[in-house]
Amino acid sequence: MKKIKCGVIGAGRVGMMHISNLIQMSEVQIVAAADLFIDNAKAELGQMGINHTYQDYHELLVNDDIEAIFVFTSTDTHEEIVIAAVRAGKHIFCEKPLSMDLNEEASIKVLEEVKKHGVKLQIGFNRRIDQQFRNIYEQVRAGKIGDPQIVKITSRDPDLLPYDLIKRIGGLLFDFTMHDFDMARYMMGSNITEVYAKGGTLIDPKLQEIGDVDTLAIVLQFENGAFALIDNSRRAVYGYDQRVEVFGTEGMLKAENVNQSTVEHYTSSSTNLKKPLPIFNERYRDAYMEETRFFVRALLDGTPLLATGEDVIMAQRAAVAAQRSLETGEPVKVDPVLPSI
C-alpha cells in the first residue's frame, strides 16, 4: 500500500489531537513535525515515533521526501505557512480559515499560488463529514425534504477561551461562527448574498476590550432566496451544544445534540438524560479523523476534496460581512460569485 509521507506544522493541543489520528492511518507516514514551541511536544512526539522535529517550519519544508503538509497552527499564521508550503511543492491540509483579514485579497493570492504550483489544498471544515450532519446533507441533496427553505444552526461553546488565544484565532466570528457559515451554505446548496448580525457581550463585558463578542444571532440570505438562522454563545453551562435543522417544502431534517449517553430515565416526577458531550474534540472525534482521510484519499486516488480554498473564501466573506453588520447595525451584502482563480 502506498503511503503519503507528510509533515505536520503545529503541535499544540489541536495539532497533537490530529497527529494522534494520523498515526492510526495506514496510508500516512509522518516524517517530521514543526512548532515554534517544539520542545514542549518533543517527548510525546517521540513516543509516537516522530523523531524529526523543528522549531522553524521552513526546515521541514525543504525535506524532499515530504509530499503533504498538515497545518494546525493558529489562524494568524495560516496564509504565510500555506504559501511557503505551496511554493515548496507540497499538498496542504489547513485548518480553517485561511485568514482573519477583512480584505480577502491575501487569501485569493494563496489560491492563485495553489493553482500555479498544481498542488491540492483542503480546508478543515470537519463538520461537513460529521456522521449526523452528512446524513442530513445527503438526504437534502436526494430531495427528501423538497426544496430547502430555512437552515437553523445552534453552536455554543462550553466556556470562554483565554483572551490571548481569541486574538490569535480570530474572535467568535472567524474562529467559531466560520464553521456555521460553511455549514449553512453546504446544507442549502446555495451561496450567501446577505448577512445581518446582532451580537453583544452578555457573558464577559471585558471582551469589548479586544473587539469581540460572546453572544451572536445571525440571519443569512442565499442566492435561491432562502434563509439561515445561526445562534452562537461562548458559554453553555450544560456542555458543547451543536444542532442543525433544515426545513423544506416537503418536510424537515434535524440533528440534535450528541449526549454522553442515549439512556433516558423517566419517572412519575421527572425525565433525566445525560448532558451533551463536553467539548469539540470529543463531539467531533470521528469527523476529525474522516476529514484527514478524505484529504489522503484525494492525494492517492484523485477523489474530490471535502472542502476547497474556494469554500473557505465564501465562509470568510460571510464572516467579514457579519463583522461589518455588527459595526453598522445594518444587513450587509455578500458577493455570491466564487473568485475566479
C-alpha atoms as a PDB file:
ATOM      1  CA  MET A   1       0.000   0.000   0.000  1.00  0.00           C
ATOM      2  CA  LYS A   2       1.329   3.414  -0.937  1.00  0.00           C
ATOM      3  CA  LYS A   3       1.790   5.784   1.973  1.00  0.00           C
ATOM      4  CA  ILE A   4       1.631   9.560   1.857  1.00  0.00           C
ATOM      5  CA  LYS A   5       4.732  10.936   3.532  1.00  0.00           C
ATOM      6  CA  CYS A   6       3.731  14.047   5.388  1.00  0.00           C
ATOM      7  CA  GLY A   7       4.895  16.743   7.748  1.00  0.00           C
ATOM      8  CA  VAL A   8       2.881  18.426  10.472  1.00  0.00           C
ATOM      9  CA  ILE A   9       3.217  22.108  11.340  1.00  0.00           C
ATOM     10  CA  GLY A  10       1.636  22.910  14.685  1.00  0.00           C
ATOM     11  CA  ALA A  11       1.944  20.569  17.662  1.00  0.00           C
ATOM     12  CA  GLY A  12      -0.219  22.325  20.221  1.00  0.00           C
ATOM     13  CA  ARG A  13      -3.451  20.970  21.676  1.00  0.00           C
ATOM     14  CA  VAL A  14      -5.287  20.705  18.344  1.00  0.00           C
ATOM     15  CA  GLY A  15      -2.176  19.621  16.474  1.00  0.00           C
ATOM     16  CA  MET A  16      -1.498  16.743  18.862  1.00  0.00           C
ATOM     17  CA  MET A  17      -5.110  15.603  18.534  1.00  0.00           C
ATOM     18  CA  HIS A  18      -4.724  15.456  14.749  1.00  0.00           C
ATOM     19  CA  ILE A  19      -1.325  13.747  14.981  1.00  0.00           C
ATOM     20  CA  SER A  20      -2.842  11.055  17.216  1.00  0.00           C
ATOM     21  CA  ASN A  21      -5.434  10.465  14.490  1.00  0.00           C
ATOM     22  CA  LEU A  22      -2.935  10.490  11.629  1.00  0.00           C
ATOM     23  CA  ILE A  23      -0.640   7.869  13.139  1.00  0.00           C
ATOM     24  CA  GLN A  24      -3.583   5.463  13.165  1.00  0.00           C
ATOM     25  CA  MET A  25      -3.989   5.736   9.384  1.00  0.00           C
ATOM     26  CA  SER A  26      -2.189   3.042   7.411  1.00  0.00           C
ATOM     27  CA  GLU A  27      -1.972   5.332   4.361  1.00  0.00           C
ATOM     28  CA  VAL A  28       0.024   8.011   6.219  1.00  0.00           C
ATOM     29  CA  GLN A  29       3.614   8.246   7.407  1.00  0.00           C
ATOM     30  CA  ILE A  30       4.504  11.309   9.485  1.00  0.00           C
ATOM     31  CA  VAL A  31       8.091  12.130   8.607  1.00  0.00           C
ATOM     32  CA  ALA A  32       8.559  15.251  10.734  1.00  0.00           C
ATOM     33  CA  ALA A  33       6.812  17.872  12.863  1.00  0.00           C
ATOM     34  CA  ALA A  34       7.466  21.557  13.465  1.00  0.00           C
ATOM     35  CA  ASP A  35       6.254  24.002  16.071  1.00  0.00           C
ATOM     36  CA  LEU A  36       7.532  27.289  17.457  1.00  0.00           C
ATOM     37  CA  PHE A  37       7.444  25.651  20.896  1.00  0.00           C
ATOM     38  CA  ILE A  38       8.541  22.217  19.730  1.00  0.00           C
ATOM     39  CA  ASP A  39      10.437  21.469  22.961  1.00  0.00           C
ATOM     40  CA  ASN A  40       7.057  21.199  24.722  1.00  0.00           C
ATOM     41  CA  ALA A  41       5.996  18.391  22.368  1.00  0.00           C
ATOM     42  CA  LYS A  42       9.229  16.502  21.640  1.00  0.00           C
ATOM     43  CA  ALA A  43       8.774  13.805  24.262  1.00  0.00           C
ATOM     44  CA  GLU A  44       5.201  12.985  23.248  1.00  0.00           C
ATOM     45  CA  LEU A  45       6.079  13.071  19.551  1.00  0.00           C
ATOM     46  CA  GLY A  46       8.982  10.724  20.191  1.00  0.00           C
ATOM     47  CA  GLN A  47       6.636   8.252  21.872  1.00  0.00           C
ATOM     48  CA  MET A  48       4.586   8.338  18.671  1.00  0.00           C
ATOM     49  CA  GLY A  49       7.652   7.543  16.573  1.00  0.00           C
ATOM     50  CA  ILE A  50       8.136  11.102  15.250  1.00  0.00           C
ATOM     51  CA  ASN A  51      11.785  11.926  15.918  1.00  0.00           C
ATOM     52  CA  HIS A  52      12.494  14.584  13.293  1.00  0.00           C
ATOM     53  CA  THR A  53      11.302  17.843  14.850  1.00  0.00           C
ATOM     54  CA  TYR A  54      11.947  21.511  14.115  1.00  0.00           C
ATOM     55  CA  GLN A  55      11.250  24.875  15.667  1.00  0.00           C
ATOM     56  CA  ASP A  56      11.360  26.557  12.250  1.00  0.00           C
ATOM     57  CA  TYR A  57       8.831  25.046   9.845  1.00  0.00           C
ATOM     58  CA  HIS A  58      10.938  26.109   6.852  1.00  0.00           C
ATOM     59  CA  GLU A  59      13.420  23.365   7.790  1.00  0.00           C
ATOM     60  CA  LEU A  60      10.622  20.822   7.459  1.00  0.00           C
ATOM     61  CA  LEU A  61       9.528  22.140   4.065  1.00  0.00           C
ATOM     62  CA  VAL A  62      12.938  21.554   2.432  1.00  0.00           C
ATOM     63  CA  ASN A  63      12.620  17.790   3.020  1.00  0.00           C
ATOM     64  CA  ASP A  64      12.016  16.364  -0.469  1.00  0.00           C
ATOM     65  CA  ASP A  65      10.540  13.151   0.961  1.00  0.00           C
ATOM     66  CA  ILE A  66       7.550  15.044   2.335  1.00  0.00           C
ATOM     67  CA  GLU A  67       4.635  15.150  -0.108  1.00  0.00           C
ATOM     68  CA  ALA A  68       1.959  16.780   2.017  1.00  0.00           C
ATOM     69  CA  ILE A  69       1.758  19.232   4.898  1.00  0.00           C
ATOM     70  CA  PHE A  70      -0.848  19.402   7.639  1.00  0.00           C
ATOM     71  CA  VAL A  71      -1.175  22.912   9.115  1.00  0.00           C
ATOM     72  CA  PHE A  72      -2.549  23.047  12.673  1.00  0.00           C
ATOM     73  CA  THR A  73      -1.209  26.417  13.816  1.00  0.00           C
ATOM     74  CA  SER A  74      -3.134  29.485  14.974  1.00  0.00           C
ATOM     75  CA  THR A  75      -5.174  31.301  12.333  1.00  0.00           C
ATOM     76  CA  ASP A  76      -2.875  34.326  12.206  1.00  0.00           C
ATOM     77  CA  THR A  77      -0.130  32.140  10.660  1.00  0.00           C
ATOM     78  CA  HIS A  78      -2.140  30.196   8.069  1.00  0.00           C
ATOM     79  CA  GLU A  79      -1.609  32.319   4.963  1.00  0.00           C
ATOM     80  CA  GLU A  80       2.151  32.590   5.465  1.00  0.00           C
ATOM     81  CA  ILE A  81       2.642  28.872   6.102  1.00  0.00           C
ATOM     82  CA  VAL A  82       0.350  27.701   3.302  1.00  0.00           C
ATOM     83  CA  ILE A  83       2.095  29.893   0.724  1.00  0.00           C
ATOM     84  CA  ALA A  84       5.501  28.635   1.864  1.00  0.00           C
ATOM     85  CA  ALA A  85       4.285  25.024   1.628  1.00  0.00           C
ATOM     86  CA  VAL A  86       2.777  25.577  -1.814  1.00  0.00           C
ATOM     87  CA  ARG A  87       5.997  27.102  -3.111  1.00  0.00           C
ATOM     88  CA  ALA A  88       7.840  24.087  -1.725  1.00  0.00           C
ATOM     89  CA  GLY A  89       5.601  21.910  -3.921  1.00  0.00           C
ATOM     90  CA  LYS A  90       3.650  20.298  -1.075  1.00  0.00           C
ATOM     91  CA  HIS A  91      -0.037  19.416  -0.952  1.00  0.00           C
ATOM     92  CA  ILE A  92      -1.693  21.082   2.036  1.00  0.00           C
ATOM     93  CA  PHE A  93      -4.386  20.350   4.571  1.00  0.00           C
ATOM     94  CA  CYS A  94      -5.054  23.534   6.575  1.00  0.00           C
ATOM     95  CA  GLU A  95      -7.421  24.222   9.433  1.00  0.00           C
ATOM     96  CA  LYS A  96      -9.983  26.922   8.683  1.00  0.00           C
ATOM     97  CA  PRO A  97      -9.899  29.814   7.961  1.00  0.00           C
ATOM     98  CA  LEU A  98      -7.081  30.930   5.726  1.00  0.00           C
ATOM     99  CA  SER A  99      -7.218  34.447   7.137  1.00  0.00           C
ATOM    100  CA  MET A 100      -8.786  36.821   9.655  1.00  0.00           C
ATOM    101  CA  ASP A 101      -8.162  39.755   7.321  1.00  0.00           C
ATOM    102  CA  LEU A 102     -11.224  41.809   6.379  1.00  0.00           C
ATOM    103  CA  ASN A 103      -9.702  42.099   2.892  1.00  0.00           C
ATOM    104  CA  GLU A 104      -9.786  38.757   1.047  1.00  0.00           C
ATOM    105  CA  GLU A 105      -7.038  39.740  -1.385  1.00  0.00           C
ATOM    106  CA  ALA A 106      -4.361  37.891   0.575  1.00  0.00           C
ATOM    107  CA  SER A 107      -6.434  34.689   0.638  1.00  0.00           C
ATOM    108  CA  ILE A 108      -7.057  34.982  -3.102  1.00  0.00           C
ATOM    109  CA  LYS A 109      -3.293  35.170  -3.599  1.00  0.00           C
ATOM    110  CA  VAL A 110      -2.943  31.908  -1.666  1.00  0.00           C
ATOM    111  CA  LEU A 111      -5.379  30.196  -4.036  1.00  0.00           C
ATOM    112  CA  GLU A 112      -3.546  31.651  -7.030  1.00  0.00           C
ATOM    113  CA  GLU A 113      -0.309  30.120  -5.723  1.00  0.00           C
ATOM    114  CA  VAL A 114      -2.081  26.771  -5.229  1.00  0.00           C
ATOM    115  CA  LYS A 115      -3.254  26.793  -8.829  1.00  0.00           C
ATOM    116  CA  LYS A 116       0.095  27.987 -10.181  1.00  0.00           C
ATOM    117  CA  HIS A 117       2.010  25.157  -8.493  1.00  0.00           C
ATOM    118  CA  GLY A 118      -0.570  22.459  -9.214  1.00  0.00           C
ATOM    119  CA  VAL A 119      -0.971  21.261  -5.642  1.00  0.00           C
ATOM    120  CA  LYS A 120      -4.092  20.349  -3.671  1.00  0.00           C
ATOM    121  CA  LEU A 121      -5.423  22.388  -0.748  1.00  0.00           C
ATOM    122  CA  GLN A 122      -8.119  21.067   1.574  1.00  0.00           C
ATOM    123  CA  ILE A 123      -9.620  23.231   4.311  1.00  0.00           C
ATOM    124  CA  GLY A 124     -10.544  21.761   7.687  1.00  0.00           C
ATOM    125  CA  PHE A 125     -14.312  22.142   7.715  1.00  0.00           C
ATOM    126  CA  ASN A 126     -14.686  18.916   9.671  1.00  0.00           C
ATOM    127  CA  ARG A 127     -18.404  19.306  10.381  1.00  0.00           C
ATOM    128  CA  ARG A 128     -19.143  18.512   6.733  1.00  0.00           C
ATOM    129  CA  ILE A 129     -18.173  14.899   7.412  1.00  0.00           C
ATOM    130  CA  ASP A 130     -19.768  14.528  10.851  1.00  0.00           C
ATOM    131  CA  GLN A 131     -21.982  11.440  10.591  1.00  0.00           C
ATOM    132  CA  GLN A 132     -25.190  13.234  11.619  1.00  0.00           C
ATOM    133  CA  PHE A 133     -24.690  16.354   9.531  1.00  0.00           C
ATOM    134  CA  ARG A 134     -23.510  14.390   6.497  1.00  0.00           C
ATOM    135  CA  ASN A 135     -26.666  12.281   6.716  1.00  0.00           C
ATOM    136  CA  ILE A 136     -28.801  15.432   6.618  1.00  0.00           C
ATOM    137  CA  TYR A 137     -26.755  16.844   3.723  1.00  0.00           C
ATOM    138  CA  GLU A 138     -27.176  13.669   1.658  1.00  0.00           C
ATOM    139  CA  GLN A 139     -30.924  13.495   2.310  1.00  0.00           C
ATOM    140  CA  VAL A 140     -31.354  17.156   1.360  1.00  0.00           C
ATOM    141  CA  ARG A 141     -29.421  16.543  -1.867  1.00  0.00           C
ATOM    142  CA  ALA A 142     -31.615  13.499  -2.535  1.00  0.00           C
ATOM    143  CA  GLY A 143     -34.746  15.689  -2.341  1.00  0.00           C
ATOM    144  CA  LYS A 144     -36.134  14.055   0.806  1.00  0.00           C
ATOM    145  CA  ILE A 145     -37.493  17.388   2.107  1.00  0.00           C
ATOM    146  CA  GLY A 146     -38.171  19.051  -1.249  1.00  0.00           C
ATOM    147  CA  ASP A 147     -36.593  22.455  -1.752  1.00  0.00           C
ATOM    148  CA  PRO A 148     -34.745  23.661   1.377  1.00  0.00           C
ATOM    149  CA  GLN A 149     -36.058  26.984   2.664  1.00  0.00           C
ATOM    150  CA  ILE A 150     -34.544  27.503   6.123  1.00  0.00           C
ATOM    151  CA  VAL A 151     -31.377  26.212   7.768  1.00  0.00           C
ATOM    152  CA  LYS A 152     -31.162  26.626  11.555  1.00  0.00           C
ATOM    153  CA  ILE A 153     -27.827  26.163  13.306  1.00  0.00           C
ATOM    154  CA  THR A 154     -27.039  26.320  17.015  1.00  0.00           C
ATOM    155  CA  SER A 155     -23.375  26.361  18.062  1.00  0.00           C
ATOM    156  CA  ARG A 156     -22.459  27.062  21.671  1.00  0.00           C
ATOM    157  CA  ASP A 157     -19.116  26.507  23.354  1.00  0.00           C
ATOM    158  CA  PRO A 158     -18.957  25.177  26.920  1.00  0.00           C
ATOM    159  CA  ASP A 159     -16.908  28.120  28.218  1.00  0.00           C
ATOM    160  CA  LEU A 160     -14.821  31.191  27.416  1.00  0.00           C
ATOM    161  CA  LEU A 161     -11.371  30.990  25.851  1.00  0.00           C
ATOM    162  CA  PRO A 162      -8.279  32.914  27.048  1.00  0.00           C
ATOM    163  CA  TYR A 163      -8.085  36.436  25.595  1.00  0.00           C
ATOM    164  CA  ASP A 164      -4.648  35.930  24.019  1.00  0.00           C
ATOM    165  CA  LEU A 165      -5.905  32.823  22.207  1.00  0.00           C
ATOM    166  CA  ILE A 166      -9.020  34.641  20.970  1.00  0.00           C
ATOM    167  CA  LYS A 167      -6.828  37.342  19.411  1.00  0.00           C
ATOM    168  CA  ARG A 168      -4.705  34.747  17.581  1.00  0.00           C
ATOM    169  CA  ILE A 169      -7.583  32.671  16.222  1.00  0.00           C
ATOM    170  CA  GLY A 170      -9.881  35.471  15.122  1.00  0.00           C
ATOM    171  CA  GLY A 171     -12.618  36.021  17.669  1.00  0.00           C
ATOM    172  CA  LEU A 172     -16.051  34.421  17.690  1.00  0.00           C
ATOM    173  CA  LEU A 173     -16.871  35.141  14.041  1.00  0.00           C
ATOM    174  CA  PHE A 174     -13.647  33.966  12.410  1.00  0.00           C
ATOM    175  CA  ASP A 175     -12.972  31.022  14.709  1.00  0.00           C
ATOM    176  CA  PHE A 176     -16.327  29.656  15.806  1.00  0.00           C
ATOM    177  CA  THR A 177     -19.064  31.007  13.520  1.00  0.00           C
ATOM    178  CA  MET A 178     -16.884  30.311  10.473  1.00  0.00           C
ATOM    179  CA  HIS A 179     -17.958  26.659  10.727  1.00  0.00           C
ATOM    180  CA  ASP A 180     -21.607  27.722  10.781  1.00  0.00           C
ATOM    181  CA  PHE A 181     -21.290  29.931   7.714  1.00  0.00           C
ATOM    182  CA  ASP A 182     -19.820  26.989   5.839  1.00  0.00           C
ATOM    183  CA  MET A 183     -22.410  24.544   7.178  1.00  0.00           C
ATOM    184  CA  ALA A 184     -25.318  26.828   6.237  1.00  0.00           C
ATOM    185  CA  ARG A 185     -24.025  27.208   2.662  1.00  0.00           C
ATOM    186  CA  TYR A 186     -23.223  23.479   2.481  1.00  0.00           C
ATOM    187  CA  MET A 187     -26.692  22.431   3.599  1.00  0.00           C
ATOM    188  CA  MET A 188     -28.550  24.970   1.468  1.00  0.00           C
ATOM    189  CA  GLY A 189     -26.516  24.291  -1.678  1.00  0.00           C
ATOM    190  CA  SER A 190     -26.595  27.998  -2.484  1.00  0.00           C
ATOM    191  CA  ASN A 191     -24.227  30.918  -1.940  1.00  0.00           C
ATOM    192  CA  ILE A 192     -24.794  33.602   0.680  1.00  0.00           C
ATOM    193  CA  THR A 193     -25.894  37.037  -0.578  1.00  0.00           C
ATOM    194  CA  GLU A 194     -26.610  38.929   2.647  1.00  0.00           C
ATOM    195  CA  VAL A 195     -25.701  38.794   6.340  1.00  0.00           C
ATOM    196  CA  TYR A 196     -27.436  40.524   9.240  1.00  0.00           C
ATOM    197  CA  ALA A 197     -25.724  40.037  12.604  1.00  0.00           C
ATOM    198  CA  LYS A 198     -26.520  41.190  16.116  1.00  0.00           C
ATOM    199  CA  GLY A 199     -24.056  40.490  18.902  1.00  0.00           C
ATOM    200  CA  GLY A 200     -23.029  41.514  22.374  1.00  0.00           C
ATOM    201  CA  THR A 201     -21.054  40.695  25.491  1.00  0.00           C
ATOM    202  CA  LEU A 202     -23.722  39.162  27.688  1.00  0.00           C
ATOM    203  CA  ILE A 203     -21.247  36.829  29.401  1.00  0.00           C
ATOM    204  CA  ASP A 204     -17.961  38.730  29.640  1.00  0.00           C
ATOM    205  CA  PRO A 205     -18.052  42.521  29.016  1.00  0.00           C
ATOM    206  CA  LYS A 206     -14.211  42.600  29.052  1.00  0.00           C
ATOM    207  CA  LEU A 207     -14.294  41.041  25.577  1.00  0.00           C
ATOM    208  CA  GLN A 208     -15.171  44.515  24.307  1.00  0.00           C
ATOM    209  CA  GLU A 209     -11.568  45.494  25.045  1.00  0.00           C
ATOM    210  CA  ILE A 210     -10.332  43.097  22.338  1.00  0.00           C
ATOM    211  CA  GLY A 211     -13.184  43.823  19.940  1.00  0.00           C
ATOM    212  CA  ASP A 212     -15.009  40.518  20.375  1.00  0.00           C
ATOM    213  CA  VAL A 213     -18.492  39.357  21.375  1.00  0.00           C
ATOM    214  CA  ASP A 214     -19.706  36.288  23.223  1.00  0.00           C
ATOM    215  CA  THR A 215     -23.309  36.059  22.001  1.00  0.00           C
ATOM    216  CA  LEU A 216     -24.475  36.197  18.376  1.00  0.00           C
ATOM    217  CA  ALA A 217     -27.706  35.967  16.399  1.00  0.00           C
ATOM    218  CA  ILE A 218     -27.347  35.957  12.601  1.00  0.00           C
ATOM    219  CA  VAL A 219     -29.702  35.862   9.610  1.00  0.00           C
ATOM    220  CA  LEU A 220     -28.334  34.817   6.208  1.00  0.00           C
ATOM    221  CA  GLN A 221     -29.990  35.054   2.810  1.00  0.00           C
ATOM    222  CA  PHE A 222     -28.954  32.880  -0.145  1.00  0.00           C
ATOM    223  CA  GLU A 223     -28.980  33.261  -3.914  1.00  0.00           C
ATOM    224  CA  ASN A 224     -32.007  30.977  -4.105  1.00  0.00           C
ATOM    225  CA  GLY A 225     -33.972  33.335  -1.820  1.00  0.00           C
ATOM    226  CA  ALA A 226     -33.871  31.002   1.195  1.00  0.00           C
ATOM    227  CA  PHE A 227     -32.613  31.829   4.697  1.00  0.00           C
ATOM    228  CA  ALA A 228     -30.433  30.575   7.538  1.00  0.00           C
ATOM    229  CA  LEU A 229     -30.612  31.380  11.241  1.00  0.00           C
ATOM    230  CA  ILE A 230     -27.497  30.979  13.391  1.00  0.00           C
ATOM    231  CA  ASP A 231     -27.153  31.438  17.144  1.00  0.00           C
ATOM    232  CA  ASN A 232     -23.831  31.299  18.985  1.00  0.00           C
ATOM    233  CA  SER A 233     -22.725  31.557  22.583  1.00  0.00           C
ATOM    234  CA  ARG A 234     -19.356  31.228  24.262  1.00  0.00           C
ATOM    235  CA  ARG A 235     -20.820  29.611  27.380  1.00  0.00           C
ATOM    236  CA  ALA A 236     -23.363  26.783  27.507  1.00  0.00           C
ATOM    237  CA  VAL A 237     -23.255  25.577  31.102  1.00  0.00           C
ATOM    238  CA  TYR A 238     -24.581  22.137  30.124  1.00  0.00           C
ATOM    239  CA  GLY A 239     -21.861  21.260  27.573  1.00  0.00           C
ATOM    240  CA  TYR A 240     -20.941  21.613  23.908  1.00  0.00           C
ATOM    241  CA  ASP A 241     -24.156  22.431  22.045  1.00  0.00           C
ATOM    242  CA  GLN A 242     -24.274  21.572  18.313  1.00  0.00           C
ATOM    243  CA  ARG A 243     -27.552  21.265  16.402  1.00  0.00           C
ATOM    244  CA  VAL A 244     -28.606  21.595  12.755  1.00  0.00           C
ATOM    245  CA  GLU A 245     -32.075  21.695  11.185  1.00  0.00           C
ATOM    246  CA  VAL A 246     -33.045  22.004   7.508  1.00  0.00           C
ATOM    247  CA  PHE A 247     -36.671  22.853   6.715  1.00  0.00           C
ATOM    248  CA  GLY A 248     -38.060  22.411   3.207  1.00  0.00           C
ATOM    249  CA  THR A 249     -41.179  22.328   1.083  1.00  0.00           C
ATOM    250  CA  GLU A 250     -41.820  18.657   1.865  1.00  0.00           C
ATOM    251  CA  GLY A 251     -40.524  18.219   5.386  1.00  0.00           C
ATOM    252  CA  MET A 252     -37.686  18.758   7.827  1.00  0.00           C
ATOM    253  CA  LEU A 253     -34.410  17.094   8.818  1.00  0.00           C
ATOM    254  CA  LYS A 254     -32.907  17.712  12.251  1.00  0.00           C
ATOM    255  CA  ALA A 255     -29.758  16.622  14.082  1.00  0.00           C
ATOM    256  CA  GLU A 256     -29.884  17.022  17.850  1.00  0.00           C
ATOM    257  CA  ASN A 257     -27.007  17.165  20.315  1.00  0.00           C
ATOM    258  CA  VAL A 258     -24.744  14.178  20.829  1.00  0.00           C
ATOM    259  CA  ASN A 259     -25.061  13.297  24.514  1.00  0.00           C
ATOM    260  CA  GLN A 260     -22.800  11.352  26.850  1.00  0.00           C
ATOM    261  CA  SER A 261     -25.339   8.530  26.816  1.00  0.00           C
ATOM    262  CA  THR A 262     -28.503   7.653  24.902  1.00  0.00           C
ATOM    263  CA  VAL A 263     -30.121   6.334  28.106  1.00  0.00           C
ATOM    264  CA  GLU A 264     -33.023   8.430  29.393  1.00  0.00           C
ATOM    265  CA  HIS A 265     -34.614   7.898  32.812  1.00  0.00           C
ATOM    266  CA  TYR A 266     -38.368   8.510  33.099  1.00  0.00           C
ATOM    267  CA  THR A 267     -40.288   8.612  36.396  1.00  0.00           C
ATOM    268  CA  SER A 268     -43.625   9.993  37.541  1.00  0.00           C
ATOM    269  CA  SER A 269     -41.945  13.212  38.589  1.00  0.00           C
ATOM    270  CA  SER A 270     -39.139  13.822  36.104  1.00  0.00           C
ATOM    271  CA  THR A 271     -37.216  12.846  32.991  1.00  0.00           C
ATOM    272  CA  ASN A 272     -33.431  12.636  33.177  1.00  0.00           C
ATOM    273  CA  LEU A 273     -30.862  12.333  30.418  1.00  0.00           C
ATOM    274  CA  LYS A 274     -27.121  12.859  30.151  1.00  0.00           C
ATOM    275  CA  LYS A 275     -25.671  16.219  29.178  1.00  0.00           C
ATOM    276  CA  PRO A 276     -24.149  16.837  25.728  1.00  0.00           C
ATOM    277  CA  LEU A 277     -20.510  15.920  25.189  1.00  0.00           C
ATOM    278  CA  PRO A 278     -18.330  18.488  26.963  1.00  0.00           C
ATOM    279  CA  ILE A 279     -16.012  19.800  24.237  1.00  0.00           C
ATOM    280  CA  PHE A 280     -15.347  19.920  20.477  1.00  0.00           C
ATOM    281  CA  ASN A 281     -12.632  17.262  20.263  1.00  0.00           C
ATOM    282  CA  GLU A 282     -14.949  14.686  21.832  1.00  0.00           C
ATOM    283  CA  ARG A 283     -18.040  15.710  19.848  1.00  0.00           C
ATOM    284  CA  TYR A 284     -16.220  15.655  16.513  1.00  0.00           C
ATOM    285  CA  ARG A 285     -13.625  12.940  17.185  1.00  0.00           C
ATOM    286  CA  ASP A 286     -14.682  10.788  14.219  1.00  0.00           C
ATOM    287  CA  ALA A 287     -15.170  13.798  11.932  1.00  0.00           C
ATOM    288  CA  TYR A 288     -11.604  14.976  12.574  1.00  0.00           C
ATOM    289  CA  MET A 289     -10.335  11.559  11.556  1.00  0.00           C
ATOM    290  CA  GLU A 290     -12.507  11.377   8.451  1.00  0.00           C
ATOM    291  CA  GLU A 291     -11.660  14.852   7.130  1.00  0.00           C
ATOM    292  CA  THR A 292      -7.959  13.971   7.056  1.00  0.00           C
ATOM    293  CA  ARG A 293      -8.795  10.624   5.488  1.00  0.00           C
ATOM    294  CA  PHE A 294     -10.693  12.493   2.724  1.00  0.00           C
ATOM    295  CA  PHE A 295      -7.561  14.531   2.021  1.00  0.00           C
ATOM    296  CA  VAL A 296      -5.317  11.468   1.881  1.00  0.00           C
ATOM    297  CA  ARG A 297      -7.741   9.710  -0.481  1.00  0.00           C
ATOM    298  CA  ALA A 298      -7.733  12.747  -2.751  1.00  0.00           C
ATOM    299  CA  LEU A 299      -3.943  12.501  -2.973  1.00  0.00           C
ATOM    300  CA  LEU A 300      -3.908   8.734  -3.511  1.00  0.00           C
ATOM    301  CA  ASP A 301      -6.968   8.252  -5.717  1.00  0.00           C
ATOM    302  CA  GLY A 302      -7.806  11.684  -7.124  1.00  0.00           C
ATOM    303  CA  THR A 303     -11.181  11.787  -5.369  1.00  0.00           C
ATOM    304  CA  PRO A 304     -12.728  15.234  -4.713  1.00  0.00           C
ATOM    305  CA  LEU A 305     -11.575  17.255  -1.719  1.00  0.00           C
ATOM    306  CA  LEU A 306     -14.034  17.652   1.137  1.00  0.00           C
ATOM    307  CA  ALA A 307     -13.672  21.452   1.300  1.00  0.00           C
ATOM    308  CA  THR A 308     -11.638  23.655  -1.024  1.00  0.00           C
ATOM    309  CA  GLY A 309      -9.973  27.047  -0.913  1.00  0.00           C
ATOM    310  CA  GLU A 310     -12.998  28.484  -2.694  1.00  0.00           C
ATOM    311  CA  ASP A 311     -15.227  27.148   0.105  1.00  0.00           C
ATOM    312  CA  VAL A 312     -13.202  28.934   2.760  1.00  0.00           C
ATOM    313  CA  ILE A 313     -13.248  32.190   0.776  1.00  0.00           C
ATOM    314  CA  MET A 314     -17.052  32.094   0.741  1.00  0.00           C
ATOM    315  CA  ALA A 315     -17.195  31.462   4.501  1.00  0.00           C
ATOM    316  CA  GLN A 316     -14.681  34.251   5.124  1.00  0.00           C
ATOM    317  CA  ARG A 317     -16.814  36.645   3.064  1.00  0.00           C
ATOM    318  CA  ALA A 318     -19.758  35.882   5.321  1.00  0.00           C
ATOM    319  CA  ALA A 319     -17.618  36.474   8.418  1.00  0.00           C
ATOM    320  CA  VAL A 320     -16.399  39.823   7.076  1.00  0.00           C
ATOM    321  CA  ALA A 321     -19.983  40.839   6.281  1.00  0.00           C
ATOM    322  CA  ALA A 322     -21.100  39.787   9.760  1.00  0.00           C
ATOM    323  CA  GLN A 323     -18.344  41.889  11.329  1.00  0.00           C
ATOM    324  CA  ARG A 324     -19.438  44.923   9.323  1.00  0.00           C
ATOM    325  CA  SER A 325     -23.070  44.250  10.199  1.00  0.00           C
ATOM    326  CA  LEU A 326     -22.176  44.203  13.899  1.00  0.00           C
ATOM    327  CA  GLU A 327     -20.429  47.553  13.480  1.00  0.00           C
ATOM    328  CA  THR A 328     -23.172  49.253  11.451  1.00  0.00           C
ATOM    329  CA  GLY A 329     -26.298  47.574  12.767  1.00  0.00           C
ATOM    330  CA  GLU A 330     -27.402  47.012   9.165  1.00  0.00           C
ATOM    331  CA  PRO A 331     -27.604  43.996   6.808  1.00  0.00           C
ATOM    332  CA  VAL A 332     -24.510  43.685   4.597  1.00  0.00           C
ATOM    333  CA  LYS A 333     -24.458  42.311   1.057  1.00  0.00           C
ATOM    334  CA  VAL A 334     -22.125  39.443   0.156  1.00  0.00           C
ATOM    335  CA  ASP A 335     -20.759  38.743  -3.319  1.00  0.00           C
ATOM    336  CA  PRO A 336     -22.105  35.259  -4.164  1.00  0.00           C
ATOM    337  CA  VAL A 337     -19.805  34.760  -7.147  1.00  0.00           C
ATOM    338  CA  LEU A 338     -16.888  32.431  -6.483  1.00  0.00           C
ATOM    339  CA  PRO A 339     -13.481  34.009  -7.029  1.00  0.00           C
ATOM    340  CA  SER A 340     -12.019  33.401 -10.475  1.00  0.00           C
ATOM    341  CA  ILE A 341      -8.613  31.834  -9.957  1.00  0.00           C
END
